[in-house]
């Protein structure tokens, strides 16, 4: 039964056009930006590996917003079109369906981000090398820790979108909240706490803590690795848990 549920969720993911478009854009954006920077940077000889990785990591975080929207749409579209009723009729244990969505979301997001990361690195450094740069992985401090933090963030983002989808159940609203949470909502909450006299509020914003961990090993005011991603994972798990409780109490 579990294998059949996973297979069904995989079919839902790869047969819908908007999902393929979002994956394609999420892949293309970091690669295109990295290539453009490599082509047009005026001084390629002073571009080193750590700068390339910082660029790719930053643009990959933007791609994760698109992938988060994918998983928000993947779930909430089922409520809009009524297909979730068929799914729950076939699999009465709703937690199995949600777990399958979380598993597929985690695997697909991690795979897309991993492939994008290394393709962007390979293409951009190839262009830079042709222009006289000596950029290499040997110049990057904690490259594997950075990569692991990015993959961890990608997995947790899929849970986060799933949790919001379970709670909100509306595609436009869920997508808006998914996009605005890291871009606006956390900043407003942090500002409110700061004005109230809580000086370290920013470091406890979960999404920002996980993003910062991708390019920060724990220095400054950030939670760093592995605490940033773990903290965000705990928040995402709570959202999924709350969403699951509500899901079991609601009609499909």
C-alpha atoms as a PDB file:
ATOM      1  CA  UNK A   1       0.000   0.000   0.000  1.00  0.00           C
ATOM      2  CA  UNK A   2       2.768   2.430   0.878  1.00  0.00           C
ATOM      3  CA  UNK A   3       4.511   1.835  -2.440  1.00  0.00           C
ATOM      4  CA  UNK A   4       1.257   2.383  -4.316  1.00  0.00           C
ATOM      5  CA  UNK A   5       0.621   5.649  -2.475  1.00  0.00           C
ATOM      6  CA  UNK A   6       4.136   6.878  -3.280  1.00  0.00           C
ATOM      7  CA  UNK A   7       3.691   5.892  -6.928  1.00  0.00           C
ATOM      8  CA  UNK A   8       0.368   7.733  -7.098  1.00  0.00           C
ATOM      9  CA  UNK A   9       1.879  10.888  -5.614  1.00  0.00           C
ATOM     10  CA  UNK A  10       4.802  10.704  -8.029  1.00  0.00           C
ATOM     11  CA  UNK A  11       2.389  10.486 -10.964  1.00  0.00           C
ATOM     12  CA  UNK A  12       0.584  13.587  -9.693  1.00  0.00           C
ATOM     13  CA  UNK A  13       3.869  15.470  -9.539  1.00  0.00           C
ATOM     14  CA  UNK A  14       5.433  14.711 -12.907  1.00  0.00           C
ATOM     15  CA  UNK A  15       2.304  14.700 -15.075  1.00  0.00           C
ATOM     16  CA  UNK A  16       1.154  18.262 -14.307  1.00  0.00           C
ATOM     17  CA  UNK A  17       2.581  20.975 -16.545  1.00  0.00           C
ATOM     18  CA  UNK A  18       2.894  23.729 -13.941  1.00  0.00           C
ATOM     19  CA  UNK A  19       5.072  21.447 -11.810  1.00  0.00           C
ATOM     20  CA  UNK A  20       7.457  20.845 -14.697  1.00  0.00           C
ATOM     21  CA  UNK A  21       7.582  24.568 -15.454  1.00  0.00           C
ATOM     22  CA  UNK A  22       8.435  25.445 -11.852  1.00  0.00           C
ATOM     23  CA  UNK A  23      11.158  22.793 -11.718  1.00  0.00           C
ATOM     24  CA  UNK A  24      12.576  24.032 -15.013  1.00  0.00           C
ATOM     25  CA  UNK A  25      12.693  27.657 -13.876  1.00  0.00           C
ATOM     26  CA  UNK A  26      14.123  26.662 -10.485  1.00  0.00           C
ATOM     27  CA  UNK A  27      16.903  24.789 -12.279  1.00  0.00           C
ATOM     28  CA  UNK A  28      17.573  27.409 -14.937  1.00  0.00           C
ATOM     29  CA  UNK A  29      17.732  30.488 -12.708  1.00  0.00           C
ATOM     30  CA  UNK A  30      20.935  29.710 -10.720  1.00  0.00           C
ATOM     31  CA  UNK A  31      22.650  28.241 -13.777  1.00  0.00           C
ATOM     32  CA  UNK A  32      21.802  31.237 -15.954  1.00  0.00           C
ATOM     33  CA  UNK A  33      22.844  33.785 -13.330  1.00  0.00           C
ATOM     34  CA  UNK A  34      26.127  31.966 -12.663  1.00  0.00           C
ATOM     35  CA  UNK A  35      26.923  31.801 -16.381  1.00  0.00           C
ATOM     36  CA  UNK A  36      26.072  35.468 -16.958  1.00  0.00           C
ATOM     37  CA  UNK A  37      28.279  36.531 -14.061  1.00  0.00           C
ATOM     38  CA  UNK A  38      31.105  34.338 -15.371  1.00  0.00           C
ATOM     39  CA  UNK A  39      30.769  35.785 -18.870  1.00  0.00           C
ATOM     40  CA  UNK A  40      30.467  39.450 -17.963  1.00  0.00           C
ATOM     41  CA  UNK A  41      32.587  39.830 -14.830  1.00  0.00           C
ATOM     42  CA  UNK A  42      35.265  42.412 -15.712  1.00  0.00           C
ATOM     43  CA  UNK A  43      38.069  40.770 -13.715  1.00  0.00           C
ATOM     44  CA  UNK A  44      37.703  36.970 -13.996  1.00  0.00           C
ATOM     45  CA  UNK A  45      41.232  36.346 -12.706  1.00  0.00           C
ATOM     46  CA  UNK A  46      40.281  37.621  -9.233  1.00  0.00           C
ATOM     47  CA  UNK A  47      37.116  35.493  -8.991  1.00  0.00           C
ATOM     48  CA  UNK A  48      37.706  32.525  -6.691  1.00  0.00           C
ATOM     49  CA  UNK A  49      35.786  29.410  -5.793  1.00  0.00           C
ATOM     50  CA  UNK A  50      34.239  30.763  -2.601  1.00  0.00           C
ATOM     51  CA  UNK A  51      32.655  33.669  -4.494  1.00  0.00           C
ATOM     52  CA  UNK A  52      31.162  31.326  -7.075  1.00  0.00           C
ATOM     53  CA  UNK A  53      29.709  29.089  -4.358  1.00  0.00           C
ATOM     54  CA  UNK A  54      28.239  32.092  -2.532  1.00  0.00           C
ATOM     55  CA  UNK A  55      26.558  33.195  -5.758  1.00  0.00           C
ATOM     56  CA  UNK A  56      25.156  29.746  -6.507  1.00  0.00           C
ATOM     57  CA  UNK A  57      23.962  29.237  -2.923  1.00  0.00           C
ATOM     58  CA  UNK A  58      22.184  32.587  -2.918  1.00  0.00           C
ATOM     59  CA  UNK A  59      20.396  32.003  -6.211  1.00  0.00           C
ATOM     60  CA  UNK A  60      19.506  28.442  -5.162  1.00  0.00           C
ATOM     61  CA  UNK A  61      17.665  29.871  -2.157  1.00  0.00           C
ATOM     62  CA  UNK A  62      15.554  31.876  -4.617  1.00  0.00           C
ATOM     63  CA  UNK A  63      14.876  28.672  -6.559  1.00  0.00           C
ATOM     64  CA  UNK A  64      13.644  27.063  -3.358  1.00  0.00           C
ATOM     65  CA  UNK A  65      10.833  29.618  -3.213  1.00  0.00           C
ATOM     66  CA  UNK A  66       9.632  28.322  -6.585  1.00  0.00           C
ATOM     67  CA  UNK A  67       9.888  24.707  -5.445  1.00  0.00           C
ATOM     68  CA  UNK A  68       7.992  25.564  -2.265  1.00  0.00           C
ATOM     69  CA  UNK A  69       5.224  26.999  -4.444  1.00  0.00           C
ATOM     70  CA  UNK A  70       5.232  23.730  -6.396  1.00  0.00           C
ATOM     71  CA  UNK A  71       4.432  21.696  -3.286  1.00  0.00           C
ATOM     72  CA  UNK A  72       1.875  24.222  -2.091  1.00  0.00           C
ATOM     73  CA  UNK A  73       0.086  23.972  -5.449  1.00  0.00           C
ATOM     74  CA  UNK A  74       0.488  20.189  -5.566  1.00  0.00           C
ATOM     75  CA  UNK A  75      -1.572  19.779  -2.393  1.00  0.00           C
ATOM     76  CA  UNK A  76      -4.034  22.652  -2.533  1.00  0.00           C
ATOM     77  CA  UNK A  77      -4.996  22.015  -6.171  1.00  0.00           C
ATOM     78  CA  UNK A  78      -6.375  18.674  -5.012  1.00  0.00           C
ATOM     79  CA  UNK A  79      -8.762  20.475  -2.687  1.00  0.00           C
ATOM     80  CA  UNK A  80      -9.771  22.886  -5.442  1.00  0.00           C
ATOM     81  CA  UNK A  81     -10.510  20.131  -7.983  1.00  0.00           C
ATOM     82  CA  UNK A  82     -11.863  17.559  -5.540  1.00  0.00           C
ATOM     83  CA  UNK A  83      -9.281  14.896  -6.387  1.00  0.00           C
ATOM     84  CA  UNK A  84      -8.281  14.655  -2.726  1.00  0.00           C
ATOM     85  CA  UNK A  85     -11.631  12.943  -2.076  1.00  0.00           C
ATOM     86  CA  UNK A  86     -10.732  10.164  -4.482  1.00  0.00           C
ATOM     87  CA  UNK A  87      -7.325   9.832  -2.848  1.00  0.00           C
ATOM     88  CA  UNK A  88      -8.789   9.587   0.646  1.00  0.00           C
ATOM     89  CA  UNK A  89     -11.429   7.125  -0.544  1.00  0.00           C
ATOM     90  CA  UNK A  90      -8.654   4.863  -1.822  1.00  0.00           C
ATOM     91  CA  UNK A  91      -6.419   5.471   1.214  1.00  0.00           C
ATOM     92  CA  UNK A  92      -8.590   6.138   4.290  1.00  0.00           C
ATOM     93  CA  UNK A  93      -5.527   6.713   6.498  1.00  0.00           C
ATOM     94  CA  UNK A  94      -4.926  10.346   5.616  1.00  0.00           C
ATOM     95  CA  UNK A  95      -1.550  10.445   7.319  1.00  0.00           C
ATOM     96  CA  UNK A  96      -0.267   7.941   4.738  1.00  0.00           C
ATOM     97  CA  UNK A  97      -1.169  10.310   1.928  1.00  0.00           C
ATOM     98  CA  UNK A  98       0.450  13.276   3.670  1.00  0.00           C
ATOM     99  CA  UNK A  99       3.554  11.212   4.480  1.00  0.00           C
ATOM    100  CA  UNK A 100       3.819  10.160   0.830  1.00  0.00           C
ATOM    101  CA  UNK A 101       3.540  13.778  -0.298  1.00  0.00           C
ATOM    102  CA  UNK A 102       6.242  14.766   2.197  1.00  0.00           C
ATOM    103  CA  UNK A 103       8.536  11.954   1.028  1.00  0.00           C
ATOM    104  CA  UNK A 104       8.121  12.731  -2.676  1.00  0.00           C
ATOM    105  CA  UNK A 105       8.500  16.448  -2.002  1.00  0.00           C
ATOM    106  CA  UNK A 106      11.690  15.917  -0.024  1.00  0.00           C
ATOM    107  CA  UNK A 107      13.288  13.661  -2.628  1.00  0.00           C
ATOM    108  CA  UNK A 108      12.359  15.747  -5.663  1.00  0.00           C
ATOM    109  CA  UNK A 109      13.355  19.062  -4.090  1.00  0.00           C
ATOM    110  CA  UNK A 110      16.672  17.724  -2.810  1.00  0.00           C
ATOM    111  CA  UNK A 111      17.453  16.145  -6.189  1.00  0.00           C
ATOM    112  CA  UNK A 112      16.627  19.309  -8.151  1.00  0.00           C
ATOM    113  CA  UNK A 113      18.679  21.510  -5.827  1.00  0.00           C
ATOM    114  CA  UNK A 114      21.659  19.121  -5.830  1.00  0.00           C
ATOM    115  CA  UNK A 115      21.740  18.833  -9.621  1.00  0.00           C
ATOM    116  CA  UNK A 116      21.273  22.591 -10.040  1.00  0.00           C
ATOM    117  CA  UNK A 117      24.070  23.363  -7.580  1.00  0.00           C
ATOM    118  CA  UNK A 118      26.693  21.236  -9.309  1.00  0.00           C
ATOM    119  CA  UNK A 119      25.627  22.052 -12.871  1.00  0.00           C
ATOM    120  CA  UNK A 120      25.820  25.774 -12.063  1.00  0.00           C
ATOM    121  CA  UNK A 121      29.252  25.242 -10.512  1.00  0.00           C
ATOM    122  CA  UNK A 122      30.595  23.208 -13.422  1.00  0.00           C
ATOM    123  CA  UNK A 123      29.303  25.522 -16.155  1.00  0.00           C
ATOM    124  CA  UNK A 124      30.303  28.777 -14.448  1.00  0.00           C
ATOM    125  CA  UNK A 125      33.804  27.592 -13.512  1.00  0.00           C
ATOM    126  CA  UNK A 126      34.310  26.259 -17.038  1.00  0.00           C
ATOM    127  CA  UNK A 127      33.521  29.715 -18.414  1.00  0.00           C
ATOM    128  CA  UNK A 128      35.704  31.405 -15.807  1.00  0.00           C
ATOM    129  CA  UNK A 129      38.593  29.026 -16.506  1.00  0.00           C
ATOM    130  CA  UNK A 130      38.425  29.898 -20.189  1.00  0.00           C
ATOM    131  CA  UNK A 131      38.850  33.546 -19.146  1.00  0.00           C
ATOM    132  CA  UNK A 132      41.863  32.920 -16.926  1.00  0.00           C
ATOM    133  CA  UNK A 133      40.247  32.304 -13.535  1.00  0.00           C
ATOM    134  CA  UNK A 134      41.640  29.671 -11.176  1.00  0.00           C
ATOM    135  CA  UNK A 135      38.366  29.102  -9.265  1.00  0.00           C
ATOM    136  CA  UNK A 136      38.247  25.654  -7.669  1.00  0.00           C
ATOM    137  CA  UNK A 137      36.605  23.802  -4.789  1.00  0.00           C
ATOM    138  CA  UNK A 138      39.900  23.851  -2.891  1.00  0.00           C
ATOM    139  CA  UNK A 139      39.354  27.575  -2.361  1.00  0.00           C
ATOM    140  CA  UNK A 140      35.959  27.053  -0.681  1.00  0.00           C
ATOM    141  CA  UNK A 141      35.881  26.718   3.082  1.00  0.00           C
ATOM    142  CA  UNK A 142      33.442  24.048   4.326  1.00  0.00           C
ATOM    143  CA  UNK A 143      32.064  23.317   0.857  1.00  0.00           C
ATOM    144  CA  UNK A 144      30.382  20.101   1.956  1.00  0.00           C
ATOM    145  CA  UNK A 145      28.855  21.746   5.020  1.00  0.00           C
ATOM    146  CA  UNK A 146      27.452  24.464   2.770  1.00  0.00           C
ATOM    147  CA  UNK A 147      26.066  21.887   0.352  1.00  0.00           C
ATOM    148  CA  UNK A 148      24.557  19.829   3.190  1.00  0.00           C
ATOM    149  CA  UNK A 149      22.909  22.930   4.672  1.00  0.00           C
ATOM    150  CA  UNK A 150      21.402  23.768   1.273  1.00  0.00           C
ATOM    151  CA  UNK A 151      20.047  20.242   0.832  1.00  0.00           C
ATOM    152  CA  UNK A 152      18.637  20.296   4.374  1.00  0.00           C
ATOM    153  CA  UNK A 153      16.942  23.614   3.643  1.00  0.00           C
ATOM    154  CA  UNK A 154      15.465  22.206   0.435  1.00  0.00           C
ATOM    155  CA  UNK A 155      13.915  19.266   2.289  1.00  0.00           C
ATOM    156  CA  UNK A 156      12.492  21.406   5.079  1.00  0.00           C
ATOM    157  CA  UNK A 157      11.051  23.932   2.616  1.00  0.00           C
ATOM    158  CA  UNK A 158       8.944  21.151   1.074  1.00  0.00           C
ATOM    159  CA  UNK A 159       7.603  20.260   4.541  1.00  0.00           C
ATOM    160  CA  UNK A 160       6.941  23.930   5.249  1.00  0.00           C
ATOM    161  CA  UNK A 161       4.870  24.339   2.076  1.00  0.00           C
ATOM    162  CA  UNK A 162       3.015  21.104   2.808  1.00  0.00           C
ATOM    163  CA  UNK A 163       2.153  22.277   6.321  1.00  0.00           C
ATOM    164  CA  UNK A 164       0.855  25.616   5.072  1.00  0.00           C
ATOM    165  CA  UNK A 165      -1.186  23.840   2.404  1.00  0.00           C
ATOM    166  CA  UNK A 166      -2.798  21.536   4.960  1.00  0.00           C
ATOM    167  CA  UNK A 167      -3.745  24.491   7.147  1.00  0.00           C
ATOM    168  CA  UNK A 168      -4.881  26.987   4.492  1.00  0.00           C
ATOM    169  CA  UNK A 169      -6.233  24.633   1.787  1.00  0.00           C
ATOM    170  CA  UNK A 170      -6.391  27.407  -0.812  1.00  0.00           C
ATOM    171  CA  UNK A 171      -3.846  27.625  -3.634  1.00  0.00           C
ATOM    172  CA  UNK A 172      -3.500  31.416  -4.084  1.00  0.00           C
ATOM    173  CA  UNK A 173      -3.449  32.098  -0.346  1.00  0.00           C
ATOM    174  CA  UNK A 174      -0.952  29.314   0.334  1.00  0.00           C
ATOM    175  CA  UNK A 175       1.386  30.460  -2.443  1.00  0.00           C
ATOM    176  CA  UNK A 176       1.236  34.062  -1.217  1.00  0.00           C
ATOM    177  CA  UNK A 177       2.046  33.065   2.369  1.00  0.00           C
ATOM    178  CA  UNK A 178       4.804  30.715   1.164  1.00  0.00           C
ATOM    179  CA  UNK A 179       6.470  33.535  -0.768  1.00  0.00           C
ATOM    180  CA  UNK A 180       5.905  36.311   1.752  1.00  0.00           C
ATOM    181  CA  UNK A 181       6.965  34.352   4.830  1.00  0.00           C
ATOM    182  CA  UNK A 182      10.744  34.687   4.255  1.00  0.00           C
ATOM    183  CA  UNK A 183      10.529  37.921   2.265  1.00  0.00           C
ATOM    184  CA  UNK A 184       8.191  39.970   4.461  1.00  0.00           C
ATOM    185  CA  UNK A 185       6.419  38.223   7.333  1.00  0.00           C
ATOM    186  CA  UNK A 186       9.515  37.223   9.309  1.00  0.00           C
ATOM    187  CA  UNK A 187      11.047  40.660   8.801  1.00  0.00           C
ATOM    188  CA  UNK A 188       7.907  42.356  10.123  1.00  0.00           C
ATOM    189  CA  UNK A 189       7.743  40.025  13.125  1.00  0.00           C
ATOM    190  CA  UNK A 190      11.430  40.610  13.831  1.00  0.00           C
ATOM    191  CA  UNK A 191      10.935  44.372  13.566  1.00  0.00           C
ATOM    192  CA  UNK A 192       8.008  44.253  15.980  1.00  0.00           C
ATOM    193  CA  UNK A 193      10.052  42.335  18.555  1.00  0.00           C
ATOM    194  CA  UNK A 194      13.019  44.657  18.065  1.00  0.00           C
ATOM    195  CA  UNK A 195      10.829  47.703  18.698  1.00  0.00           C
ATOM    196  CA  UNK A 196       9.572  45.946  21.822  1.00  0.00           C
ATOM    197  CA  UNK A 197      13.150  45.662  23.075  1.00  0.00           C
ATOM    198  CA  UNK A 198      14.028  42.103  22.000  1.00  0.00           C
ATOM    199  CA  UNK A 199      17.373  42.712  20.294  1.00  0.00           C
ATOM    200  CA  UNK A 200      18.074  39.156  19.086  1.00  0.00           C
ATOM    201  CA  UNK A 201      14.688  38.524  17.489  1.00  0.00           C
ATOM    202  CA  UNK A 202      16.106  38.252  13.965  1.00  0.00           C
ATOM    203  CA  UNK A 203      18.225  35.204  14.732  1.00  0.00           C
ATOM    204  CA  UNK A 204      15.124  33.301  15.879  1.00  0.00           C
ATOM    205  CA  UNK A 205      13.185  33.753  12.659  1.00  0.00           C
ATOM    206  CA  UNK A 206      13.128  30.116  11.454  1.00  0.00           C
ATOM    207  CA  UNK A 207      13.233  30.537   7.684  1.00  0.00           C
ATOM    208  CA  UNK A 208      15.951  33.202   7.865  1.00  0.00           C
ATOM    209  CA  UNK A 209      17.940  31.091  10.332  1.00  0.00           C
ATOM    210  CA  UNK A 210      18.018  28.199   7.860  1.00  0.00           C
ATOM    211  CA  UNK A 211      18.899  30.451   4.917  1.00  0.00           C
ATOM    212  CA  UNK A 212      21.726  32.075   6.857  1.00  0.00           C
ATOM    213  CA  UNK A 213      23.099  28.632   7.740  1.00  0.00           C
ATOM    214  CA  UNK A 214      23.702  27.961   4.057  1.00  0.00           C
ATOM    215  CA  UNK A 215      26.359  30.683   3.901  1.00  0.00           C
ATOM    216  CA  UNK A 216      27.276  31.022   7.581  1.00  0.00           C
ATOM    217  CA  UNK A 217      28.972  28.517   9.913  1.00  0.00           C
ATOM    218  CA  UNK A 218      27.580  30.098  13.066  1.00  0.00           C
ATOM    219  CA  UNK A 219      29.484  33.334  13.389  1.00  0.00           C
ATOM    220  CA  UNK A 220      27.830  36.615  14.223  1.00  0.00           C
ATOM    221  CA  UNK A 221      24.227  36.566  15.378  1.00  0.00           C
ATOM    222  CA  UNK A 222      23.057  33.544  13.376  1.00  0.00           C
ATOM    223  CA  UNK A 223      22.226  30.106  14.750  1.00  0.00           C
ATOM    224  CA  UNK A 224      24.547  28.598  12.140  1.00  0.00           C
ATOM    225  CA  UNK A 225      24.933  24.912  11.351  1.00  0.00           C
ATOM    226  CA  UNK A 226      23.288  22.606  12.138  1.00  0.00           C
ATOM    227  CA  UNK A 227      20.979  24.546  14.441  1.00  0.00           C
ATOM    228  CA  UNK A 228      19.470  26.850  11.811  1.00  0.00           C
ATOM    229  CA  UNK A 229      18.135  24.043   9.588  1.00  0.00           C
ATOM    230  CA  UNK A 230      17.120  21.957  12.626  1.00  0.00           C
ATOM    231  CA  UNK A 231      15.180  24.874  14.086  1.00  0.00           C
ATOM    232  CA  UNK A 232      13.377  25.472  10.794  1.00  0.00           C
ATOM    233  CA  UNK A 233      12.689  21.732  10.523  1.00  0.00           C
ATOM    234  CA  UNK A 234      11.051  21.787  13.961  1.00  0.00           C
ATOM    235  CA  UNK A 235       8.836  24.710  12.936  1.00  0.00           C
ATOM    236  CA  UNK A 236       7.908  22.999   9.657  1.00  0.00           C
ATOM    237  CA  UNK A 237       7.122  19.766  11.520  1.00  0.00           C
ATOM    238  CA  UNK A 238       4.814  21.686  13.860  1.00  0.00           C
ATOM    239  CA  UNK A 239       3.013  23.192  10.858  1.00  0.00           C
ATOM    240  CA  UNK A 240       2.566  19.741   9.318  1.00  0.00           C
ATOM    241  CA  UNK A 241       1.381  18.370  12.665  1.00  0.00           C
ATOM    242  CA  UNK A 242      -1.176  21.141  13.122  1.00  0.00           C
ATOM    243  CA  UNK A 243      -2.265  20.718   9.519  1.00  0.00           C
ATOM    244  CA  UNK A 244      -2.667  16.974  10.011  1.00  0.00           C
ATOM    245  CA  UNK A 245      -4.831  17.484  13.105  1.00  0.00           C
ATOM    246  CA  UNK A 246      -7.047  19.897  11.172  1.00  0.00           C
ATOM    247  CA  UNK A 247      -7.098  17.565   8.171  1.00  0.00           C
ATOM    248  CA  UNK A 248      -8.476  14.695  10.235  1.00  0.00           C
ATOM    249  CA  UNK A 249     -11.253  16.946  11.559  1.00  0.00           C
ATOM    250  CA  UNK A 250     -12.290  18.395   8.219  1.00  0.00           C
ATOM    251  CA  UNK A 251     -14.269  17.003   5.336  1.00  0.00           C
ATOM    252  CA  UNK A 252     -12.229  16.173   2.276  1.00  0.00           C
END
